[in-house]
Amino acid sequence: MDADAFTAAHEAEWRRLDALVRRRHRLSGAEIDELVSLYQRTATHLSAVRSAGHDPVLVASLSSRVARARAAVTGAETPSWAAAGRFALVSFPAMAYRARWWWLATAAGSLLVAFLIGWWVARSPAVQAALLPRASVRNLVYHQFQHYYSTYAPPAFAAQVWTNNAWVAALSLIFGILLGLPTLWLLASNAANLGVAAGLMISHGRGVLFFALVLPHGMLELTAVFLAAATGLRLGWTVIDPGPRPRATALAEEGRASVTIALGLIVVLLVSGAIEAFVTPSPLPAWARILIGAVAEAAFLGYVIVAGRRAERAGLSPDIAEAPAAVPVSG
């Protein structure tokens, strides 16, 4: 095959194909038919050139043309930064903002349970004795609780904490489909553990240390877990009351939108894990460590409120499922 002669014979067709691909969203019915026909012919040309095997430059050029034309004909789209930007600025904050009242109720209920359990444990030596032997309590209060944050190398500890918290958040969200009952159990368990630890530390005069170790990372971490649980509970309520939508449709829509929370919290929990590994056990003063945690918490809440409210007012959906790209057809 003479590559130059072959190119000269078909280059006009290829250029026409390129022009139609560039204008693929504004084609008439006849032009769409022409696009499909030229795509098929160019794919045949590519096959012939490959079989001849004499001109790798022409093969590469035709391969690129055919790939672009195939995307135009089939409606396939290449992932772009625009999709990531929409997720960060619309989908995730919009879903978090939509669930704000569930989120607030989940946080308030969990913290109330933790406070009541902590108060009960701190005021009752009998309860403390029933929970753990005296030696175990002293070991927890004076050694184990504080040393937990510095036992492992920070990078490994950050990865461990991130993985564990992401798993807990994912379970809290996924279990929502079971009417939210397992999610409520996870929340209660988490609140109980927090309350027991706080009660034991406070009763032994270590309350300041407890809050100095928990608050830097705990504010953002608990906020993320509460958001995941709230989204799961909201999904569970959709099973009970789908509203005017058919139940299957409502679950599909809410399920897809809820996935945005799971994906977004991966990043949020990565930040809280880094704070827990690098800031919490650091030699910084307690006020400085708590301030770092408070800044991270304020930044996250501000981002969700501002971006989420803007998306809601604009009528934008948090659903990550894009409308299917239109496949060219002639009318």
Protein backbone atom coordinates (compact mmCIF):
# COMPACT_ATOMS: atom_id res chain seq x y z
CA MET A 1 0.00 0.00 0.00
CA ASP A 2 1.27 3.46 -0.91
CA ALA A 3 0.57 5.44 2.27
CA ASP A 4 0.88 8.82 0.58
CA ALA A 5 -1.52 7.87 -2.20
CA PHE A 6 -3.94 6.35 0.31
CA THR A 7 -3.85 9.51 2.41
CA ALA A 8 -4.39 11.74 -0.60
CA ALA A 9 -7.36 9.65 -1.70
CA HIS A 10 -9.15 9.75 1.68
CA GLU A 11 -7.91 12.84 3.51
CA ALA A 12 -10.92 14.91 2.51
CA GLU A 13 -13.21 12.33 4.14
CA TRP A 14 -11.13 12.31 7.31
CA ARG A 15 -11.14 16.09 7.56
CA ARG A 16 -14.89 16.11 7.04
CA LEU A 17 -15.23 13.53 9.83
CA ASP A 18 -13.16 15.75 12.14
CA ALA A 19 -15.38 18.70 11.36
CA LEU A 20 -18.55 16.76 12.12
CA VAL A 21 -17.09 15.42 15.38
CA ARG A 22 -16.29 18.96 16.52
CA ARG A 23 -19.89 20.02 15.80
CA ARG A 24 -21.50 16.81 17.09
CA HIS A 25 -23.95 18.63 19.39
CA ARG A 26 -25.28 20.82 16.58
CA LEU A 27 -25.74 18.39 13.68
CA SER A 28 -28.80 18.04 11.50
CA GLY A 29 -30.31 14.63 10.79
CA ALA A 30 -28.49 14.36 7.45
CA GLU A 31 -25.19 15.34 9.05
CA ILE A 32 -25.64 12.71 11.77
CA ASP A 33 -26.12 10.05 9.08
CA GLU A 34 -23.01 11.36 7.34
CA LEU A 35 -21.05 11.24 10.62
CA VAL A 36 -21.96 7.59 11.17
CA SER A 37 -21.10 6.68 7.58
CA LEU A 38 -17.72 8.46 7.69
CA TYR A 39 -16.92 6.86 11.04
CA GLN A 40 -17.56 3.40 9.61
CA ARG A 41 -15.48 4.13 6.48
CA THR A 42 -12.60 5.57 8.49
CA ALA A 43 -12.62 2.53 10.78
CA THR A 44 -12.31 0.39 7.64
CA HIS A 45 -9.41 2.57 6.46
CA LEU A 46 -7.70 2.10 9.81
CA SER A 47 -8.07 -1.66 9.55
CA ALA A 48 -6.55 -1.63 6.05
CA VAL A 49 -3.60 0.54 7.09
CA ARG A 50 -2.93 -1.66 10.12
CA SER A 51 -2.98 -4.75 7.95
CA ALA A 52 -0.42 -3.19 5.59
CA GLY A 53 1.75 -2.33 8.57
CA HIS A 54 4.00 0.14 6.77
CA ASP A 55 3.11 3.51 8.33
CA PRO A 56 2.79 3.67 12.16
CA VAL A 57 2.29 7.46 12.04
CA LEU A 58 -0.78 7.09 9.82
CA VAL A 59 -2.06 4.26 12.04
CA ALA A 60 -1.76 6.48 15.12
CA SER A 61 -3.48 9.39 13.38
CA LEU A 62 -6.38 7.26 12.18
CA SER A 63 -6.69 5.53 15.57
CA SER A 64 -7.13 8.91 17.24
CA ARG A 65 -9.71 9.98 14.66
CA VAL A 66 -11.68 6.76 15.00
CA ALA A 67 -11.66 6.98 18.81
CA ARG A 68 -13.02 10.53 18.77
CA ALA A 69 -15.63 9.63 16.19
CA ARG A 70 -16.69 6.54 18.16
CA ALA A 71 -17.22 8.70 21.26
CA ALA A 72 -19.35 11.09 19.20
CA VAL A 73 -21.42 8.30 17.63
CA THR A 74 -21.97 6.24 20.79
CA GLY A 75 -22.40 9.17 23.14
CA ALA A 76 -19.44 8.16 25.32
CA GLU A 77 -17.75 10.94 27.23
CA THR A 78 -14.28 11.09 28.66
CA PRO A 79 -14.18 11.84 32.39
CA SER A 80 -12.93 15.35 32.95
CA TRP A 81 -12.03 17.73 35.72
CA ALA A 82 -15.48 19.25 35.22
CA ALA A 83 -17.05 16.08 36.68
CA ALA A 84 -14.74 16.22 39.70
CA GLY A 85 -15.50 19.91 40.12
CA ARG A 86 -19.24 19.29 39.98
CA PHE A 87 -18.91 16.59 42.61
CA ALA A 88 -16.93 18.85 44.94
CA LEU A 89 -18.98 22.00 44.43
CA VAL A 90 -22.48 20.58 43.86
CA SER A 91 -23.11 16.87 44.47
CA PHE A 92 -21.44 16.34 47.86
CA PRO A 93 -22.31 19.64 49.57
CA ALA A 94 -25.83 19.58 48.12
CA MET A 95 -26.52 16.13 49.56
CA ALA A 96 -24.98 17.04 52.92
CA TYR A 97 -27.03 20.24 53.05
CA ARG A 98 -30.18 18.37 52.06
CA ALA A 99 -29.64 16.00 55.01
CA ARG A 100 -28.83 18.83 57.43
CA TRP A 101 -31.78 18.31 59.77
CA TRP A 102 -31.19 14.56 59.93
CA TRP A 103 -27.51 15.34 60.48
CA LEU A 104 -28.22 17.79 63.30
CA ALA A 105 -30.65 15.42 64.99
CA THR A 106 -28.18 12.54 64.73
CA ALA A 107 -25.37 14.62 66.21
CA ALA A 108 -27.54 16.02 69.02
CA GLY A 109 -28.97 12.60 69.92
CA SER A 110 -25.57 10.88 69.91
CA LEU A 111 -23.87 13.57 71.97
CA LEU A 112 -26.75 13.58 74.45
CA VAL A 113 -26.43 9.81 74.92
CA ALA A 114 -22.66 10.14 75.33
CA PHE A 115 -23.10 12.94 77.89
CA LEU A 116 -25.66 10.98 79.95
CA ILE A 117 -23.54 7.84 79.98
CA GLY A 118 -20.42 9.83 80.85
CA TRP A 119 -22.23 11.59 83.69
CA TRP A 120 -23.54 8.27 84.98
CA VAL A 121 -20.13 6.58 84.88
CA ALA A 122 -18.28 9.54 86.38
CA ARG A 123 -20.67 9.77 89.38
CA SER A 124 -20.92 6.05 90.16
CA PRO A 125 -17.97 3.97 91.40
CA ALA A 126 -20.27 0.96 91.32
CA VAL A 127 -20.81 1.39 87.59
CA GLN A 128 -17.08 1.78 87.05
CA ALA A 129 -16.41 -1.42 88.99
CA ALA A 130 -19.01 -3.25 86.93
CA LEU A 131 -17.39 -2.09 83.69
CA LEU A 132 -13.75 -2.95 84.38
CA PRO A 133 -11.55 -4.18 87.21
CA ARG A 134 -9.88 -1.37 89.18
CA ALA A 135 -6.43 -2.19 87.79
CA SER A 136 -7.75 -2.06 84.22
CA VAL A 137 -9.42 1.28 84.87
CA ARG A 138 -6.19 2.77 86.23
CA ASN A 139 -4.23 1.41 83.28
CA LEU A 140 -6.75 2.91 80.86
CA VAL A 141 -6.88 6.28 82.58
CA TYR A 142 -3.17 6.80 83.32
CA HIS A 143 -1.48 5.00 80.44
CA GLN A 144 -3.51 3.35 77.70
CA PHE A 145 -5.76 6.24 76.67
CA GLN A 146 -2.94 8.74 76.20
CA HIS A 147 -0.37 6.34 74.75
CA TYR A 148 -2.82 5.03 72.16
CA TYR A 149 -2.17 8.11 70.03
CA SER A 150 1.61 7.74 70.01
CA THR A 151 2.13 3.96 69.93
CA TYR A 152 2.52 3.73 66.16
CA ALA A 153 4.39 5.78 63.58
CA PRO A 154 2.17 8.69 62.46
CA PRO A 155 1.82 7.63 58.78
CA ALA A 156 0.84 4.07 59.70
CA PHE A 157 -1.48 5.30 62.45
CA ALA A 158 -3.13 7.78 60.09
CA ALA A 159 -3.78 5.02 57.54
CA GLN A 160 -5.19 2.73 60.25
CA VAL A 161 -7.48 5.40 61.68
CA TRP A 162 -8.62 6.49 58.22
CA THR A 163 -9.48 2.93 57.20
CA ASN A 164 -11.36 2.21 60.43
CA ASN A 165 -13.35 5.44 60.40
CA ALA A 166 -14.19 5.10 56.71
CA TRP A 167 -15.45 1.57 57.39
CA VAL A 168 -17.62 2.73 60.31
CA ALA A 169 -19.03 5.59 58.20
CA ALA A 170 -19.72 3.26 55.29
CA LEU A 171 -21.53 0.77 57.52
CA SER A 172 -23.59 3.55 59.10
CA LEU A 173 -24.69 4.66 55.66
CA ILE A 174 -25.20 1.26 54.03
CA PHE A 175 -27.16 -0.16 56.98
CA GLY A 176 -29.72 2.56 56.44
CA ILE A 177 -31.37 0.37 53.84
CA LEU A 178 -32.40 -1.97 56.70
CA LEU A 179 -34.80 0.70 58.01
CA GLY A 180 -31.84 2.35 59.77
CA LEU A 181 -31.93 -0.05 62.74
CA PRO A 182 -28.28 -1.22 62.47
CA THR A 183 -27.26 2.41 61.98
CA LEU A 184 -28.95 3.35 65.25
CA TRP A 185 -27.12 0.50 66.98
CA LEU A 186 -23.77 1.72 65.62
CA LEU A 187 -24.52 5.25 66.80
CA ALA A 188 -25.52 4.04 70.25
CA SER A 189 -22.41 1.88 70.52
CA ASN A 190 -20.16 4.73 69.48
CA ALA A 191 -21.84 7.14 71.91
CA ALA A 192 -21.57 4.61 74.73
CA ASN A 193 -17.85 4.07 74.16
CA LEU A 194 -17.25 7.81 74.09
CA GLY A 195 -19.31 8.35 77.23
CA VAL A 196 -17.63 5.54 79.19
CA ALA A 197 -14.14 6.78 78.31
CA ALA A 198 -15.08 10.35 79.24
CA GLY A 199 -16.69 9.27 82.51
CA LEU A 200 -13.68 7.21 83.60
CA MET A 201 -11.19 9.94 82.71
CA ILE A 202 -13.22 12.70 84.42
CA SER A 203 -13.78 10.67 87.58
CA HIS A 204 -10.00 10.29 87.95
CA GLY A 205 -9.26 13.96 87.41
CA ARG A 206 -8.11 13.49 83.81
CA GLY A 207 -10.97 15.27 82.11
CA VAL A 208 -8.80 18.07 80.71
CA LEU A 209 -6.46 15.51 79.16
CA PHE A 210 -9.42 13.62 77.70
CA PHE A 211 -10.77 16.66 75.87
CA ALA A 212 -7.28 17.79 74.84
CA LEU A 213 -6.74 14.42 73.15
CA VAL A 214 -10.22 13.92 71.69
CA LEU A 215 -11.24 17.36 70.45
CA PRO A 216 -8.48 18.06 67.88
CA HIS A 217 -9.50 15.20 65.60
CA GLY A 218 -12.81 14.25 67.21
CA MET A 219 -14.75 17.30 66.06
CA LEU A 220 -14.27 16.56 62.37
CA GLU A 221 -14.30 12.79 62.78
CA LEU A 222 -17.58 12.69 64.68
CA THR A 223 -19.13 15.23 62.33
CA ALA A 224 -18.31 12.93 59.41
CA VAL A 225 -19.66 9.84 61.17
CA PHE A 226 -22.85 11.70 62.12
CA LEU A 227 -23.30 12.79 58.50
CA ALA A 228 -22.88 9.22 57.25
CA ALA A 229 -25.35 7.92 59.85
CA ALA A 230 -27.85 10.70 59.09
CA THR A 231 -27.69 9.87 55.39
CA GLY A 232 -28.22 6.19 56.19
CA LEU A 233 -31.20 6.96 58.41
CA ARG A 234 -32.65 9.21 55.73
CA LEU A 235 -32.27 6.38 53.23
CA GLY A 236 -33.99 4.01 55.67
CA TRP A 237 -36.88 6.44 56.05
CA THR A 238 -37.26 6.44 52.27
CA VAL A 239 -38.03 2.71 52.51
CA ILE A 240 -40.82 3.52 54.96
CA ASP A 241 -42.10 6.68 53.31
CA PRO A 242 -41.02 7.17 49.68
CA GLY A 243 -43.35 10.13 49.28
CA PRO A 244 -45.06 10.66 45.92
CA ARG A 245 -42.43 8.63 44.06
CA PRO A 246 -42.66 4.86 43.51
CA ARG A 247 -40.62 3.15 46.22
CA ALA A 248 -38.11 1.66 43.77
CA THR A 249 -37.58 5.02 42.09
CA ALA A 250 -37.21 6.82 45.41
CA LEU A 251 -34.67 4.28 46.67
CA ALA A 252 -32.68 4.44 43.45
CA GLU A 253 -32.53 8.24 43.53
CA GLU A 254 -31.73 8.50 47.23
CA GLY A 255 -29.23 5.65 47.01
CA ARG A 256 -27.30 7.31 44.19
CA ALA A 257 -27.32 10.64 45.99
CA SER A 258 -26.18 8.95 49.20
CA VAL A 259 -23.15 7.53 47.42
CA THR A 260 -21.87 11.09 47.14
CA ILE A 261 -21.66 11.23 50.93
CA ALA A 262 -19.66 8.00 51.08
CA LEU A 263 -17.22 9.27 48.45
CA GLY A 264 -16.88 12.74 49.93
CA LEU A 265 -16.33 11.46 53.46
CA ILE A 266 -13.31 9.49 52.28
CA VAL A 267 -11.53 12.84 51.93
CA VAL A 268 -12.98 14.30 55.14
CA LEU A 269 -11.94 11.27 57.19
CA LEU A 270 -8.50 11.35 55.60
CA VAL A 271 -8.09 14.87 57.01
CA SER A 272 -9.36 13.86 60.47
CA GLY A 273 -7.08 10.81 60.43
CA ALA A 274 -4.08 13.00 59.61
CA ILE A 275 -4.97 15.32 62.49
CA GLU A 276 -5.32 12.37 64.86
CA ALA A 277 -1.96 10.93 63.85
CA PHE A 278 0.12 14.09 63.52
CA VAL A 279 -1.58 16.78 65.65
CA THR A 280 -3.25 14.99 68.58
CA PRO A 281 -0.04 13.39 69.95
CA SER A 282 2.18 16.35 69.02
CA PRO A 283 4.00 18.47 71.65
CA LEU A 284 1.90 21.50 70.71
CA PRO A 285 -0.04 23.13 73.57
CA ALA A 286 -3.53 21.77 74.05
CA TRP A 287 -5.12 25.05 72.91
CA ALA A 288 -3.13 24.97 69.66
CA ARG A 289 -4.13 21.39 68.90
CA ILE A 290 -7.78 22.10 69.64
CA LEU A 291 -7.59 25.25 67.50
CA ILE A 292 -6.32 23.22 64.53
CA GLY A 293 -9.23 20.83 64.94
CA ALA A 294 -11.69 23.70 65.28
CA VAL A 295 -10.38 25.35 62.09
CA ALA A 296 -10.77 22.07 60.17
CA GLU A 297 -14.30 21.64 61.53
CA ALA A 298 -15.29 25.22 60.71
CA ALA A 299 -13.84 24.93 57.21
CA PHE A 300 -15.81 21.75 56.51
CA LEU A 301 -19.10 23.06 57.88
CA GLY A 302 -18.65 26.38 56.09
CA TYR A 303 -17.96 24.60 52.82
CA VAL A 304 -21.04 22.39 53.14
CA ILE A 305 -23.34 25.23 54.19
CA VAL A 306 -22.20 27.75 51.57
CA ALA A 307 -21.85 25.38 48.61
CA GLY A 308 -24.84 23.28 49.61
CA ARG A 309 -27.16 26.24 50.05
CA ARG A 310 -26.02 27.68 46.72
CA ALA A 311 -26.71 24.37 44.97
CA GLU A 312 -30.14 24.07 46.58
CA ARG A 313 -31.15 27.60 45.62
CA ALA A 314 -30.00 26.94 42.06
CA GLY A 315 -32.15 23.80 41.96
CA LEU A 316 -29.14 21.54 41.35
CA SER A 317 -29.44 17.85 42.17
CA PRO A 318 -26.91 15.95 44.31
CA ASP A 319 -27.57 12.83 42.21
CA ILE A 320 -24.24 11.65 40.78
CA ALA A 321 -25.95 9.92 37.90
CA GLU A 322 -25.51 12.16 34.92
CA ALA A 323 -28.17 12.14 32.25
CA PRO A 324 -27.11 9.67 29.57
CA ALA A 325 -25.16 11.31 26.79
CA ALA A 326 -27.29 11.62 23.68
CA VAL A 327 -26.50 9.09 20.98
CA PRO A 328 -26.72 10.69 17.54
CA VAL A 329 -29.78 9.53 15.62
CA SER A 330 -31.48 11.03 12.67
CA GLY A 331 -35.06 12.08 12.98
